[in-house]
Amino acid sequence: MHELGIVSGVLDSVRPVAQEAGATKLLGITLSVGEMTGALQDALFFAWEALCEGDPFLEDAKLTVNTIAPRSRCLECGLEFGHDQFHWACPECDSVMAEMIAGRELQIESIEVDIPDSEDEA
């Protein structure tokens, strides 16, 4: 299950940045995940729950996943078109020479953290 590695990597990237900014708690992360990565959304959520459980910094954090559908540009006629994993032929000219322009993303779009006011600490 490579989703465990994905979520672990995301948390390893986010935690130090959030804590350096003074965050006491991670509230949420939004990821953009392309369908062509092969990452399964249910498995991402399962890995998220497993890795956040029992960690006071992560425990109540919410994971949001935005799925990005595959899109390609035909190298013959220039048409941009959506497709699935198995059908890459250009609907305009039937060429299979295409460049993928969306669908392989795997990026952190946003993080939400709790940073206490300095007045609260006084």
Protein backbone atom coordinates (compact mmCIF):
# COMPACT_ATOMS: atom_id res chain seq x y z
CA MET A 1 0.00 0.00 0.00
CA HIS A 2 1.94 3.04 -1.21
CA GLU A 3 -0.75 5.31 0.26
CA LEU A 4 0.81 4.80 3.71
CA GLY A 5 4.11 6.11 2.36
CA ILE A 6 2.36 9.06 0.71
CA VAL A 7 0.56 10.10 3.89
CA SER A 8 3.68 9.53 5.99
CA GLY A 9 5.67 11.74 3.62
CA VAL A 10 3.01 14.46 3.73
CA LEU A 11 2.99 14.46 7.53
CA ASP A 12 6.80 14.44 7.66
CA SER A 13 6.81 17.52 5.40
CA VAL A 14 4.05 19.41 7.16
CA ARG A 15 4.80 18.84 10.84
CA PRO A 16 8.15 20.68 11.07
CA VAL A 17 6.87 23.63 9.03
CA ALA A 18 3.73 23.93 11.16
CA GLN A 19 5.62 23.61 14.43
CA GLU A 20 8.25 26.14 13.29
CA ALA A 21 5.38 28.59 12.67
CA GLY A 22 4.23 28.09 16.26
CA ALA A 23 1.38 25.67 15.64
CA THR A 24 0.27 23.55 18.57
CA LYS A 25 -2.09 21.42 16.52
CA LEU A 26 -2.67 20.44 12.91
CA LEU A 27 -6.32 21.00 12.00
CA GLY A 28 -6.32 19.83 8.39
CA ILE A 29 -4.52 19.19 5.14
CA THR A 30 -5.86 19.41 1.60
CA LEU A 31 -4.15 17.26 -1.04
CA SER A 32 -4.55 17.24 -4.80
CA VAL A 33 -4.09 13.70 -6.11
CA GLY A 34 -4.17 12.80 -9.79
CA GLU A 35 -6.10 9.70 -10.79
CA MET A 36 -3.07 8.46 -12.72
CA THR A 37 -0.96 8.22 -9.53
CA GLY A 38 -2.82 5.04 -8.66
CA ALA A 39 -3.42 6.27 -5.11
CA LEU A 40 -6.76 5.06 -3.77
CA GLN A 41 -8.73 7.63 -1.82
CA ASP A 42 -10.06 5.11 0.73
CA ALA A 43 -6.53 3.86 1.38
CA LEU A 44 -5.28 7.45 1.85
CA PHE A 45 -7.97 8.06 4.48
CA PHE A 46 -7.19 4.74 6.19
CA ALA A 47 -3.48 5.60 6.31
CA TRP A 48 -4.31 9.08 7.59
CA GLU A 49 -6.36 7.71 10.47
CA ALA A 50 -3.71 5.14 11.35
CA LEU A 51 -0.87 7.67 11.39
CA CYS A 52 -2.77 10.41 13.25
CA GLU A 53 -4.23 8.20 15.97
CA GLY A 54 -2.71 8.81 19.39
CA ASP A 55 -0.63 11.80 18.27
CA PRO A 56 -1.82 14.93 20.12
CA PHE A 57 -0.52 17.20 17.35
CA LEU A 58 -2.43 15.30 14.62
CA GLU A 59 -5.30 13.51 16.34
CA ASP A 60 -8.25 15.70 15.26
CA ALA A 61 -6.82 16.79 11.90
CA LYS A 62 -9.00 16.37 8.83
CA LEU A 63 -7.75 15.14 5.47
CA THR A 64 -9.36 16.52 2.31
CA VAL A 65 -8.47 14.96 -1.05
CA ASN A 66 -9.20 16.70 -4.34
CA THR A 67 -9.03 14.19 -7.18
CA ILE A 68 -7.61 15.45 -10.48
CA ALA A 69 -8.91 13.75 -13.62
CA PRO A 70 -6.44 12.95 -16.40
CA ARG A 71 -6.14 15.39 -19.32
CA SER A 72 -3.81 15.23 -22.27
CA ARG A 73 -2.82 17.33 -25.27
CA CYS A 74 -2.68 15.66 -28.66
CA LEU A 75 0.77 16.06 -30.22
CA GLU A 76 -0.73 15.79 -33.71
CA CYS A 77 -3.64 18.27 -33.68
CA GLY A 78 -3.16 20.09 -30.36
CA LEU A 79 -6.56 19.23 -28.86
CA GLU A 80 -6.73 19.06 -25.07
CA PHE A 81 -9.02 16.26 -23.91
CA GLY A 82 -10.03 14.30 -20.83
CA HIS A 83 -9.67 10.53 -20.73
CA ASP A 84 -9.40 7.56 -18.39
CA GLN A 85 -6.39 5.36 -17.66
CA PHE A 86 -6.85 3.14 -20.69
CA HIS A 87 -8.21 5.35 -23.51
CA TRP A 88 -5.65 7.89 -24.65
CA ALA A 89 -6.59 8.29 -28.32
CA CYS A 90 -7.41 11.83 -29.40
CA PRO A 91 -11.16 12.17 -29.97
CA GLU A 92 -10.48 14.59 -32.85
CA CYS A 93 -7.83 12.82 -34.96
CA ASP A 94 -7.49 9.37 -33.30
CA SER A 95 -3.75 9.85 -32.69
CA VAL A 96 -2.31 8.10 -29.66
CA MET A 97 0.58 10.58 -29.51
CA ALA A 98 -0.41 12.65 -26.47
CA GLU A 99 1.26 14.54 -23.66
CA MET A 100 -0.38 14.26 -20.24
CA ILE A 101 -1.01 17.71 -18.78
CA ALA A 102 -3.05 16.75 -15.69
CA GLY A 103 -3.72 13.66 -13.62
CA ARG A 104 -0.33 12.83 -12.14
CA GLU A 105 -0.36 15.48 -9.43
CA LEU A 106 0.40 14.68 -5.84
CA GLN A 107 0.73 17.91 -3.92
CA ILE A 108 -0.17 19.58 -0.68
CA GLU A 109 -2.62 22.35 -1.51
CA SER A 110 -3.09 23.76 1.97
CA ILE A 111 -2.59 23.14 5.65
CA GLU A 112 -4.64 24.50 8.52
CA VAL A 113 -3.09 24.80 11.95
CA ASP A 114 -3.92 26.16 15.38
CA ILE A 115 -1.49 28.87 16.46
CA PRO A 116 -2.34 30.28 19.88
CA ASP A 117 -2.35 34.04 20.32
CA SER A 118 0.64 35.28 22.26
CA GLU A 119 -1.85 37.02 24.61
CA ASP A 120 -3.30 33.59 25.51
CA GLU A 121 0.09 32.45 26.75
CA ALA A 122 0.59 35.47 29.06
